[in-house]
Amino acid sequence: MFKKENRLTKKKDFDNIFKKGRSVFNKVLGLKVIINDLDINRFGVIVSNKISKRAIERNKIKRRIREVLKKEEPVLKKGYDIVVIALAETKQKEYQDLEQILKEKLSKLALYKG
């Protein structure tokens, strides 16, 4: 779980990101990013019922994605709202695969420092 200030919780924040944010998608994950005018990054993870009807599986996917984001957060540029959207093939992927794909997408959006 992220600290409270690092979480996206409000519907208006999500709507803003979906309307105006940049995005990168593949068959496993999608990322949407927008500048937030704050000194911190805020994250949101979306795993829909289409992925799995079972909450235990959806929560497992969310935990894996959050853990990767926590590990990468110190080397990311500050001041972004980032939403990670799990897609159909996420369910079959292991943690290492998700980590590699997420790092790839973050670098494609130029979110790493230096």
N, C-alpha and C. Protein backbone atom coordinates (compact mmCIF):
# COMPACT_ATOMS: atom_id res chain seq x y z
N MET A 1 0.84 -1.17 0.00
CA MET A 1 0.00 0.00 0.00
C MET A 1 0.89 1.24 0.00
N PHE A 2 0.49 2.22 -0.78
CA PHE A 2 1.22 3.47 -0.82
C PHE A 2 0.82 4.34 0.35
N LYS A 3 1.69 5.32 0.66
CA LYS A 3 1.30 6.31 1.65
C LYS A 3 0.09 7.06 1.11
N LYS A 4 -0.67 7.64 2.00
CA LYS A 4 -1.90 8.30 1.61
C LYS A 4 -1.68 9.37 0.54
N GLU A 5 -0.60 10.15 0.69
CA GLU A 5 -0.35 11.24 -0.28
C GLU A 5 0.07 10.71 -1.65
N ASN A 6 0.47 9.45 -1.73
CA ASN A 6 0.89 8.86 -3.01
C ASN A 6 -0.21 8.07 -3.71
N ARG A 7 -1.44 8.18 -3.22
CA ARG A 7 -2.55 7.43 -3.82
C ARG A 7 -3.48 8.35 -4.59
N LEU A 8 -3.96 7.87 -5.72
CA LEU A 8 -5.03 8.55 -6.44
C LEU A 8 -6.33 7.95 -5.94
N THR A 9 -7.22 8.77 -5.43
CA THR A 9 -8.47 8.25 -4.87
C THR A 9 -9.71 8.91 -5.46
N LYS A 10 -9.60 10.15 -5.88
CA LYS A 10 -10.78 10.89 -6.31
C LYS A 10 -11.13 10.61 -7.78
N LYS A 11 -12.42 10.50 -8.03
CA LYS A 11 -12.91 10.22 -9.38
C LYS A 11 -12.48 11.32 -10.35
N LYS A 12 -12.48 12.58 -9.88
CA LYS A 12 -12.11 13.68 -10.78
C LYS A 12 -10.64 13.57 -11.23
N ASP A 13 -9.76 13.05 -10.36
CA ASP A 13 -8.36 12.85 -10.74
C ASP A 13 -8.25 11.79 -11.83
N PHE A 14 -8.96 10.68 -11.66
CA PHE A 14 -8.95 9.62 -12.67
C PHE A 14 -9.53 10.13 -13.99
N ASP A 15 -10.64 10.86 -13.91
CA ASP A 15 -11.27 11.40 -15.12
C ASP A 15 -10.33 12.33 -15.86
N ASN A 16 -9.62 13.17 -15.11
CA ASN A 16 -8.66 14.10 -15.71
C ASN A 16 -7.55 13.35 -16.43
N ILE A 17 -7.04 12.30 -15.81
CA ILE A 17 -5.96 11.51 -16.42
C ILE A 17 -6.46 10.84 -17.70
N PHE A 18 -7.67 10.27 -17.65
CA PHE A 18 -8.19 9.59 -18.83
C PHE A 18 -8.51 10.56 -19.96
N LYS A 19 -8.89 11.80 -19.62
CA LYS A 19 -9.21 12.78 -20.64
C LYS A 19 -7.96 13.39 -21.28
N LYS A 20 -6.99 13.78 -20.43
CA LYS A 20 -5.88 14.60 -20.92
C LYS A 20 -4.51 13.92 -20.89
N GLY A 21 -4.41 12.73 -20.29
CA GLY A 21 -3.09 12.12 -20.09
C GLY A 21 -2.52 11.44 -21.31
N ARG A 22 -1.18 11.27 -21.28
CA ARG A 22 -0.50 10.48 -22.31
C ARG A 22 -0.65 9.01 -21.94
N SER A 23 -0.59 8.12 -22.94
CA SER A 23 -0.78 6.72 -22.61
C SER A 23 0.10 5.80 -23.45
N VAL A 24 0.35 4.61 -22.87
CA VAL A 24 1.08 3.54 -23.54
C VAL A 24 0.38 2.24 -23.16
N PHE A 25 0.08 1.43 -24.17
CA PHE A 25 -0.62 0.17 -23.92
C PHE A 25 0.06 -0.98 -24.66
N ASN A 26 -0.07 -2.19 -24.11
CA ASN A 26 0.21 -3.42 -24.83
C ASN A 26 -0.85 -4.43 -24.39
N LYS A 27 -0.65 -5.72 -24.67
CA LYS A 27 -1.68 -6.71 -24.34
C LYS A 27 -1.77 -6.99 -22.84
N VAL A 28 -0.75 -6.62 -22.09
CA VAL A 28 -0.70 -6.95 -20.66
C VAL A 28 -1.09 -5.76 -19.78
N LEU A 29 -0.48 -4.60 -20.02
CA LEU A 29 -0.71 -3.43 -19.17
C LEU A 29 -0.91 -2.17 -20.00
N GLY A 30 -1.61 -1.23 -19.42
CA GLY A 30 -1.72 0.10 -19.99
C GLY A 30 -1.31 1.12 -18.93
N LEU A 31 -0.67 2.19 -19.37
CA LEU A 31 -0.29 3.26 -18.45
C LEU A 31 -0.82 4.58 -18.97
N LYS A 32 -1.36 5.38 -18.06
CA LYS A 32 -1.79 6.73 -18.39
C LYS A 32 -1.07 7.66 -17.42
N VAL A 33 -0.55 8.78 -17.95
CA VAL A 33 0.28 9.68 -17.15
C VAL A 33 -0.10 11.12 -17.45
N ILE A 34 -0.08 11.94 -16.39
CA ILE A 34 -0.29 13.38 -16.55
C ILE A 34 0.52 14.10 -15.46
N ILE A 35 0.96 15.32 -15.77
CA ILE A 35 1.68 16.12 -14.77
C ILE A 35 0.68 16.62 -13.74
N ASN A 36 1.07 16.58 -12.43
CA ASN A 36 0.10 16.92 -11.37
C ASN A 36 0.41 18.20 -10.60
N ASP A 37 1.46 18.94 -10.94
CA ASP A 37 1.81 20.19 -10.27
C ASP A 37 2.08 20.04 -8.78
N LEU A 38 2.41 18.82 -8.34
CA LEU A 38 2.79 18.57 -6.96
C LEU A 38 4.25 18.15 -6.93
N ASP A 39 4.79 17.97 -5.73
CA ASP A 39 6.18 17.57 -5.59
C ASP A 39 6.31 16.05 -5.42
N ILE A 40 5.21 15.34 -5.61
CA ILE A 40 5.21 13.89 -5.41
C ILE A 40 4.50 13.20 -6.59
N ASN A 41 4.73 11.90 -6.70
CA ASN A 41 3.99 11.10 -7.66
C ASN A 41 2.80 10.47 -6.96
N ARG A 42 1.70 10.34 -7.69
CA ARG A 42 0.53 9.65 -7.16
C ARG A 42 0.18 8.52 -8.13
N PHE A 43 -0.23 7.39 -7.55
CA PHE A 43 -0.47 6.20 -8.35
C PHE A 43 -1.88 5.68 -8.16
N GLY A 44 -2.41 5.08 -9.22
CA GLY A 44 -3.67 4.37 -9.17
C GLY A 44 -3.53 3.08 -9.96
N VAL A 45 -4.16 2.02 -9.49
CA VAL A 45 -4.11 0.73 -10.18
C VAL A 45 -5.55 0.28 -10.43
N ILE A 46 -5.84 -0.07 -11.68
CA ILE A 46 -7.19 -0.50 -12.04
C ILE A 46 -7.14 -1.93 -12.57
N VAL A 47 -7.91 -2.81 -11.91
CA VAL A 47 -8.06 -4.19 -12.37
C VAL A 47 -9.57 -4.46 -12.39
N SER A 48 -10.12 -4.61 -13.58
CA SER A 48 -11.58 -4.71 -13.69
C SER A 48 -12.08 -6.13 -13.48
N ASN A 49 -13.38 -6.25 -13.36
CA ASN A 49 -14.02 -7.55 -13.22
C ASN A 49 -13.86 -8.40 -14.47
N LYS A 50 -13.55 -7.79 -15.60
CA LYS A 50 -13.33 -8.55 -16.83
C LYS A 50 -12.09 -9.42 -16.73
N ILE A 51 -11.11 -9.00 -15.94
CA ILE A 51 -9.89 -9.77 -15.76
C ILE A 51 -10.21 -11.06 -15.02
N SER A 52 -10.93 -10.93 -13.92
CA SER A 52 -11.33 -12.09 -13.12
C SER A 52 -12.55 -11.71 -12.30
N LYS A 53 -13.45 -12.64 -12.17
CA LYS A 53 -14.62 -12.39 -11.33
C LYS A 53 -14.26 -12.53 -9.85
N ARG A 54 -13.14 -13.19 -9.58
CA ARG A 54 -12.74 -13.45 -8.20
C ARG A 54 -11.87 -12.31 -7.65
N ALA A 55 -12.31 -11.72 -6.55
CA ALA A 55 -11.59 -10.60 -5.94
C ALA A 55 -10.18 -10.99 -5.52
N ILE A 56 -10.00 -12.23 -5.10
CA ILE A 56 -8.68 -12.66 -4.65
C ILE A 56 -7.65 -12.56 -5.78
N GLU A 57 -8.06 -12.88 -6.99
CA GLU A 57 -7.15 -12.80 -8.14
C GLU A 57 -6.89 -11.35 -8.54
N ARG A 58 -7.95 -10.53 -8.52
CA ARG A 58 -7.76 -9.11 -8.85
C ARG A 58 -6.84 -8.44 -7.84
N ASN A 59 -7.02 -8.74 -6.55
CA ASN A 59 -6.18 -8.14 -5.52
C ASN A 59 -4.73 -8.59 -5.63
N LYS A 60 -4.52 -9.83 -6.02
CA LYS A 60 -3.16 -10.35 -6.22
C LYS A 60 -2.45 -9.55 -7.32
N ILE A 61 -3.16 -9.29 -8.40
CA ILE A 61 -2.59 -8.51 -9.50
C ILE A 61 -2.28 -7.10 -9.02
N LYS A 62 -3.20 -6.49 -8.27
CA LYS A 62 -2.98 -5.14 -7.75
C LYS A 62 -1.75 -5.09 -6.84
N ARG A 63 -1.61 -6.07 -5.96
CA ARG A 63 -0.46 -6.10 -5.05
C ARG A 63 0.85 -6.19 -5.82
N ARG A 64 0.87 -7.03 -6.84
CA ARG A 64 2.10 -7.17 -7.65
C ARG A 64 2.46 -5.86 -8.35
N ILE A 65 1.47 -5.22 -8.95
CA ILE A 65 1.73 -3.96 -9.66
C ILE A 65 2.18 -2.88 -8.68
N ARG A 66 1.52 -2.78 -7.52
CA ARG A 66 1.90 -1.79 -6.52
C ARG A 66 3.32 -2.01 -6.03
N GLU A 67 3.71 -3.26 -5.86
CA GLU A 67 5.05 -3.57 -5.37
C GLU A 67 6.11 -3.12 -6.38
N VAL A 68 5.86 -3.35 -7.66
CA VAL A 68 6.79 -2.89 -8.70
C VAL A 68 6.87 -1.37 -8.67
N LEU A 69 5.74 -0.70 -8.57
CA LEU A 69 5.73 0.77 -8.53
C LEU A 69 6.48 1.29 -7.31
N LYS A 70 6.33 0.63 -6.18
CA LYS A 70 7.05 1.05 -4.96
C LYS A 70 8.55 0.93 -5.15
N LYS A 71 8.99 -0.15 -5.78
CA LYS A 71 10.43 -0.33 -6.03
C LYS A 71 10.98 0.70 -7.00
N GLU A 72 10.18 1.09 -7.98
CA GLU A 72 10.64 2.02 -9.01
C GLU A 72 10.46 3.49 -8.62
N GLU A 73 9.60 3.78 -7.66
CA GLU A 73 9.27 5.15 -7.29
C GLU A 73 10.47 6.04 -6.99
N PRO A 74 11.49 5.56 -6.27
CA PRO A 74 12.63 6.45 -5.98
C PRO A 74 13.39 6.93 -7.22
N VAL A 75 13.36 6.18 -8.32
CA VAL A 75 14.10 6.58 -9.52
C VAL A 75 13.22 7.24 -10.57
N LEU A 76 11.96 7.50 -10.24
CA LEU A 76 11.06 8.18 -11.17
C LEU A 76 11.10 9.69 -10.96
N LYS A 77 10.87 10.43 -12.04
CA LYS A 77 10.73 11.88 -11.93
C LYS A 77 9.53 12.19 -11.05
N LYS A 78 9.59 13.31 -10.34
CA LYS A 78 8.51 13.70 -9.43
C LYS A 78 7.49 14.57 -10.15
N GLY A 79 6.26 14.56 -9.64
CA GLY A 79 5.23 15.46 -10.14
C GLY A 79 4.31 14.85 -11.19
N TYR A 80 4.07 13.54 -11.10
CA TYR A 80 3.20 12.88 -12.07
C TYR A 80 2.09 12.09 -11.37
N ASP A 81 0.93 12.02 -12.04
CA ASP A 81 -0.12 11.10 -11.67
C ASP A 81 -0.04 9.94 -12.66
N ILE A 82 0.05 8.73 -12.15
CA ILE A 82 0.23 7.56 -13.00
C ILE A 82 -0.87 6.54 -12.68
N VAL A 83 -1.58 6.11 -13.72
CA VAL A 83 -2.59 5.07 -13.56
C VAL A 83 -2.14 3.85 -14.37
N VAL A 84 -2.12 2.70 -13.69
CA VAL A 84 -1.78 1.44 -14.36
C VAL A 84 -3.06 0.65 -14.52
N ILE A 85 -3.33 0.24 -15.76
CA ILE A 85 -4.55 -0.50 -16.08
C ILE A 85 -4.17 -1.92 -16.47
N ALA A 86 -4.66 -2.88 -15.71
CA ALA A 86 -4.39 -4.28 -16.02
C ALA A 86 -5.33 -4.73 -17.13
N LEU A 87 -4.77 -5.42 -18.12
CA LEU A 87 -5.56 -5.92 -19.24
C LEU A 87 -5.64 -7.44 -19.19
N ALA A 88 -6.32 -8.02 -20.15
CA ALA A 88 -6.67 -9.44 -20.11
C ALA A 88 -5.51 -10.39 -19.82
N GLU A 89 -4.36 -10.18 -20.42
CA GLU A 89 -3.26 -11.14 -20.27
C GLU A 89 -2.47 -10.98 -18.97
N THR A 90 -2.80 -10.00 -18.17
CA THR A 90 -2.10 -9.78 -16.90
C THR A 90 -2.23 -10.98 -15.98
N LYS A 91 -3.36 -11.63 -16.06
CA LYS A 91 -3.67 -12.76 -15.18
C LYS A 91 -2.66 -13.90 -15.32
N GLN A 92 -2.16 -14.13 -16.54
CA GLN A 92 -1.24 -15.24 -16.79
C GLN A 92 0.23 -14.89 -16.49
N LYS A 93 0.53 -13.64 -16.22
CA LYS A 93 1.93 -13.22 -16.05
C LYS A 93 2.40 -13.39 -14.62
N GLU A 94 3.67 -13.71 -14.49
CA GLU A 94 4.34 -13.80 -13.19
C GLU A 94 4.83 -12.40 -12.79
N TYR A 95 5.27 -12.29 -11.54
CA TYR A 95 5.75 -11.00 -11.02
C TYR A 95 6.89 -10.43 -11.85
N GLN A 96 7.88 -11.27 -12.21
CA GLN A 96 9.04 -10.80 -12.96
C GLN A 96 8.63 -10.25 -14.33
N ASP A 97 7.65 -10.90 -14.96
CA ASP A 97 7.17 -10.43 -16.26
C ASP A 97 6.49 -9.07 -16.11
N LEU A 98 5.65 -8.93 -15.09
CA LEU A 98 4.98 -7.65 -14.85
C LEU A 98 6.00 -6.55 -14.56
N GLU A 99 7.00 -6.89 -13.78
CA GLU A 99 8.04 -5.91 -13.44
C GLU A 99 8.75 -5.43 -14.71
N GLN A 100 9.13 -6.35 -15.56
CA GLN A 100 9.84 -6.00 -16.80
C GLN A 100 8.96 -5.15 -17.72
N ILE A 101 7.71 -5.53 -17.88
CA ILE A 101 6.79 -4.80 -18.75
C ILE A 101 6.53 -3.39 -18.21
N LEU A 102 6.33 -3.29 -16.90
CA LEU A 102 6.06 -1.99 -16.29
C LEU A 102 7.26 -1.06 -16.41
N LYS A 103 8.46 -1.58 -16.19
CA LYS A 103 9.68 -0.77 -16.35
C LYS A 103 9.80 -0.28 -17.79
N GLU A 104 9.50 -1.16 -18.73
CA GLU A 104 9.56 -0.82 -20.15
C GLU A 104 8.60 0.32 -20.48
N LYS A 105 7.38 0.23 -19.96
CA LYS A 105 6.37 1.26 -20.23
C LYS A 105 6.74 2.59 -19.56
N LEU A 106 7.27 2.53 -18.35
CA LEU A 106 7.69 3.76 -17.66
C LEU A 106 8.81 4.46 -18.42
N SER A 107 9.76 3.69 -18.94
CA SER A 107 10.86 4.31 -19.68
C SER A 107 10.36 4.84 -21.03
N LYS A 108 9.38 4.18 -21.63
CA LYS A 108 8.82 4.66 -22.90
C LYS A 108 8.15 6.02 -22.72
N LEU A 109 7.57 6.24 -21.55
CA LEU A 109 6.94 7.54 -21.25
C LEU A 109 7.95 8.55 -20.68
N ALA A 110 9.24 8.19 -20.65
CA ALA A 110 10.32 9.06 -20.17
C ALA A 110 10.09 9.53 -18.75
N LEU A 111 9.75 8.60 -17.85
CA LEU A 111 9.48 8.96 -16.46
C LEU A 111 10.66 8.71 -15.53
N TYR A 112 11.74 8.13 -16.05
CA TYR A 112 12.91 7.89 -15.20
C TYR A 112 13.80 9.12 -15.14
N LYS A 113 14.43 9.33 -13.97
CA LYS A 113 15.38 10.43 -13.83
C LYS A 113 16.60 10.15 -14.69
N GLY A 114 17.20 11.22 -15.20
CA GLY A 114 18.45 11.08 -15.93
C GLY A 114 18.38 10.42 -17.19
